[in-house]
N, C-alpha and C. Protein backbone atom coordinates (compact mmCIF):
# COMPACT_ATOMS: atom_id res chain seq x y z
N UNK A 1 -2.70 -31.57 3.70
CA UNK A 1 -3.51 -32.60 4.34
C UNK A 1 -4.67 -31.96 5.12
N UNK A 2 -4.36 -30.90 5.89
CA UNK A 2 -5.40 -30.24 6.68
C UNK A 2 -6.47 -29.64 5.77
N UNK A 3 -6.03 -29.12 4.61
CA UNK A 3 -6.99 -28.55 3.65
C UNK A 3 -7.94 -29.61 3.14
N UNK A 4 -7.42 -30.80 2.84
CA UNK A 4 -8.26 -31.89 2.34
C UNK A 4 -9.29 -32.31 3.38
N UNK A 5 -8.83 -32.38 4.63
CA UNK A 5 -9.74 -32.77 5.71
C UNK A 5 -10.82 -31.71 5.89
N UNK A 6 -10.39 -30.43 5.93
CA UNK A 6 -11.35 -29.34 6.10
C UNK A 6 -12.31 -29.28 4.92
N UNK A 7 -11.81 -29.51 3.73
CA UNK A 7 -12.65 -29.50 2.54
C UNK A 7 -13.68 -30.62 2.59
N UNK A 8 -13.23 -31.81 2.98
CA UNK A 8 -14.15 -32.95 3.07
C UNK A 8 -15.21 -32.70 4.14
N UNK A 9 -14.79 -32.15 5.27
CA UNK A 9 -15.72 -31.89 6.36
C UNK A 9 -16.71 -30.78 6.00
N UNK A 10 -16.25 -29.85 5.19
CA UNK A 10 -17.11 -28.71 4.83
C UNK A 10 -17.89 -28.91 3.55
N UNK A 11 -17.84 -30.07 3.00
CA UNK A 11 -18.61 -30.35 1.78
C UNK A 11 -18.05 -29.65 0.55
N UNK A 12 -16.75 -29.44 0.50
CA UNK A 12 -16.12 -28.82 -0.66
C UNK A 12 -15.99 -27.31 -0.57
N UNK A 13 -16.38 -26.74 0.55
CA UNK A 13 -16.37 -25.28 0.67
C UNK A 13 -14.96 -24.71 0.60
N UNK A 14 -13.97 -25.42 1.11
CA UNK A 14 -12.60 -24.90 1.10
C UNK A 14 -12.11 -24.73 -0.33
N UNK A 15 -12.33 -25.74 -1.16
CA UNK A 15 -11.92 -25.63 -2.56
C UNK A 15 -12.67 -24.50 -3.26
N UNK A 16 -13.95 -24.35 -2.95
CA UNK A 16 -14.73 -23.26 -3.54
C UNK A 16 -14.17 -21.90 -3.12
N UNK A 17 -13.80 -21.79 -1.85
CA UNK A 17 -13.25 -20.52 -1.36
C UNK A 17 -11.89 -20.22 -1.99
N UNK A 18 -11.05 -21.24 -2.13
CA UNK A 18 -9.76 -21.03 -2.78
C UNK A 18 -9.96 -20.61 -4.24
N UNK A 19 -10.94 -21.21 -4.93
CA UNK A 19 -11.23 -20.82 -6.31
C UNK A 19 -11.71 -19.38 -6.36
N UNK A 20 -12.58 -19.02 -5.43
CA UNK A 20 -13.10 -17.64 -5.41
C UNK A 20 -11.99 -16.65 -5.13
N UNK A 21 -11.08 -17.00 -4.23
CA UNK A 21 -9.94 -16.12 -3.93
C UNK A 21 -9.10 -15.92 -5.19
N UNK A 22 -8.87 -16.98 -5.93
CA UNK A 22 -8.10 -16.89 -7.17
C UNK A 22 -8.80 -15.96 -8.17
N UNK A 23 -10.12 -16.10 -8.28
CA UNK A 23 -10.88 -15.23 -9.19
C UNK A 23 -10.82 -13.78 -8.73
N UNK A 24 -10.94 -13.55 -7.44
CA UNK A 24 -10.89 -12.18 -6.92
C UNK A 24 -9.52 -11.55 -7.13
N UNK A 25 -8.47 -12.34 -6.95
CA UNK A 25 -7.12 -11.82 -7.19
C UNK A 25 -6.96 -11.39 -8.65
N UNK A 26 -7.50 -12.18 -9.57
CA UNK A 26 -7.43 -11.82 -10.99
C UNK A 26 -8.22 -10.54 -11.26
N UNK A 27 -9.38 -10.42 -10.63
CA UNK A 27 -10.19 -9.22 -10.82
C UNK A 27 -9.50 -7.99 -10.23
N UNK A 28 -8.84 -8.15 -9.10
CA UNK A 28 -8.10 -7.04 -8.50
C UNK A 28 -6.98 -6.60 -9.43
N UNK A 29 -6.27 -7.56 -10.02
CA UNK A 29 -5.20 -7.21 -10.95
C UNK A 29 -5.74 -6.48 -12.17
N UNK A 30 -6.87 -6.95 -12.67
CA UNK A 30 -7.50 -6.28 -13.82
C UNK A 30 -7.88 -4.84 -13.44
N UNK A 31 -8.40 -4.67 -12.24
CA UNK A 31 -8.76 -3.34 -11.76
C UNK A 31 -7.52 -2.44 -11.65
N UNK A 32 -6.43 -3.01 -11.17
CA UNK A 32 -5.19 -2.24 -11.09
C UNK A 32 -4.74 -1.79 -12.48
N UNK A 33 -4.83 -2.71 -13.44
CA UNK A 33 -4.44 -2.37 -14.82
C UNK A 33 -5.33 -1.25 -15.37
N UNK A 34 -6.62 -1.33 -15.10
CA UNK A 34 -7.54 -0.28 -15.56
C UNK A 34 -7.22 1.05 -14.89
N UNK A 35 -6.88 1.01 -13.60
CA UNK A 35 -6.53 2.24 -12.90
C UNK A 35 -5.28 2.88 -13.48
N UNK A 36 -4.31 2.07 -13.86
CA UNK A 36 -3.11 2.60 -14.50
C UNK A 36 -3.48 3.26 -15.82
N UNK A 37 -4.35 2.61 -16.56
CA UNK A 37 -4.78 3.16 -17.86
C UNK A 37 -5.53 4.48 -17.68
N UNK A 38 -6.40 4.54 -16.68
CA UNK A 38 -7.12 5.78 -16.40
C UNK A 38 -6.13 6.88 -16.03
N UNK A 39 -5.13 6.53 -15.23
CA UNK A 39 -4.10 7.50 -14.88
C UNK A 39 -3.36 8.01 -16.10
N UNK A 40 -3.06 7.12 -17.04
CA UNK A 40 -2.40 7.54 -18.28
C UNK A 40 -3.29 8.49 -19.07
N UNK A 41 -4.58 8.20 -19.11
CA UNK A 41 -5.49 9.08 -19.84
C UNK A 41 -5.61 10.45 -19.16
N UNK A 42 -5.63 10.46 -17.84
CA UNK A 42 -5.66 11.73 -17.10
C UNK A 42 -4.40 12.53 -17.40
N UNK A 43 -3.26 11.85 -17.43
CA UNK A 43 -2.01 12.53 -17.77
C UNK A 43 -2.08 13.12 -19.17
N UNK A 44 -2.61 12.36 -20.12
CA UNK A 44 -2.73 12.84 -21.49
C UNK A 44 -3.61 14.08 -21.56
N UNK A 45 -4.74 14.03 -20.91
CA UNK A 45 -5.64 15.18 -20.93
C UNK A 45 -4.95 16.39 -20.31
N UNK A 46 -4.24 16.16 -19.21
CA UNK A 46 -3.51 17.26 -18.57
C UNK A 46 -2.44 17.84 -19.50
N UNK A 47 -1.73 16.95 -20.19
CA UNK A 47 -0.70 17.41 -21.11
C UNK A 47 -1.29 18.16 -22.29
N UNK A 48 -2.50 17.79 -22.70
CA UNK A 48 -3.12 18.44 -23.85
C UNK A 48 -3.77 19.77 -23.48
N UNK A 49 -4.19 19.94 -22.26
CA UNK A 49 -4.92 21.15 -21.88
C UNK A 49 -4.07 22.41 -22.08
N UNK A 50 -2.86 22.41 -21.57
CA UNK A 50 -2.02 23.61 -21.68
C UNK A 50 -1.65 23.91 -23.14
N UNK A 51 -1.17 22.92 -23.91
CA UNK A 51 -0.83 23.23 -25.31
C UNK A 51 -2.05 23.66 -26.13
N UNK A 52 -3.18 23.05 -25.89
CA UNK A 52 -4.37 23.41 -26.65
C UNK A 52 -4.78 24.84 -26.31
N UNK A 53 -4.71 25.16 -25.03
CA UNK A 53 -5.06 26.51 -24.60
C UNK A 53 -4.11 27.53 -25.19
N UNK A 54 -2.86 27.17 -25.33
CA UNK A 54 -1.87 28.11 -25.88
C UNK A 54 -1.70 27.93 -27.39
N UNK A 55 -2.45 26.98 -27.97
CA UNK A 55 -2.39 26.70 -29.41
C UNK A 55 -0.98 26.33 -29.86
N UNK A 56 -0.32 25.45 -29.08
CA UNK A 56 1.04 25.01 -29.40
C UNK A 56 0.96 23.64 -30.10
N UNK A 57 0.95 23.63 -31.43
CA UNK A 57 0.78 22.36 -32.15
C UNK A 57 1.91 21.36 -31.91
N UNK A 58 3.12 21.82 -31.70
CA UNK A 58 4.23 20.89 -31.48
C UNK A 58 4.04 20.12 -30.17
N UNK A 59 3.60 20.82 -29.13
CA UNK A 59 3.37 20.15 -27.85
C UNK A 59 2.16 19.23 -27.92
N UNK A 60 1.15 19.63 -28.69
CA UNK A 60 -0.03 18.77 -28.86
C UNK A 60 0.39 17.47 -29.55
N UNK A 61 1.14 17.59 -30.63
CA UNK A 61 1.61 16.40 -31.36
C UNK A 61 2.49 15.52 -30.47
N UNK A 62 3.37 16.14 -29.67
CA UNK A 62 4.25 15.38 -28.79
C UNK A 62 3.43 14.61 -27.75
N UNK A 63 2.42 15.24 -27.19
CA UNK A 63 1.58 14.58 -26.18
C UNK A 63 0.82 13.41 -26.80
N UNK A 64 0.29 13.61 -28.00
CA UNK A 64 -0.44 12.53 -28.67
C UNK A 64 0.49 11.38 -29.06
N UNK A 65 1.69 11.71 -29.51
CA UNK A 65 2.65 10.67 -29.86
C UNK A 65 3.05 9.87 -28.63
N UNK A 66 3.26 10.53 -27.53
CA UNK A 66 3.60 9.84 -26.28
C UNK A 66 2.49 8.90 -25.88
N UNK A 67 1.25 9.35 -26.00
CA UNK A 67 0.11 8.51 -25.66
C UNK A 67 0.03 7.28 -26.59
N UNK A 68 0.21 7.50 -27.87
CA UNK A 68 0.14 6.40 -28.82
C UNK A 68 1.23 5.35 -28.56
N UNK A 69 2.40 5.80 -28.14
CA UNK A 69 3.49 4.85 -27.82
C UNK A 69 3.13 4.01 -26.60
N UNK A 70 2.31 4.55 -25.70
CA UNK A 70 1.96 3.82 -24.49
C UNK A 70 0.90 2.74 -24.74
N UNK A 71 0.27 2.77 -25.91
CA UNK A 71 -0.78 1.79 -26.20
C UNK A 71 -0.22 0.42 -26.40
């Protein structure tokens, strides 16, 4: 009830703000998902650096397979 009164008094600003908050929450979640993905890619690069430097094909294949399973 208070929201309706405040919204009416503010010319619809309350509903606009609630909509914007909902949009921002979705964008924050998308950003979190992207950050997780970037972390996975950093892990992959880290896992590949040592095997590539040591020319260990089995470890390279294992790291790539692990990454592909995460997709």
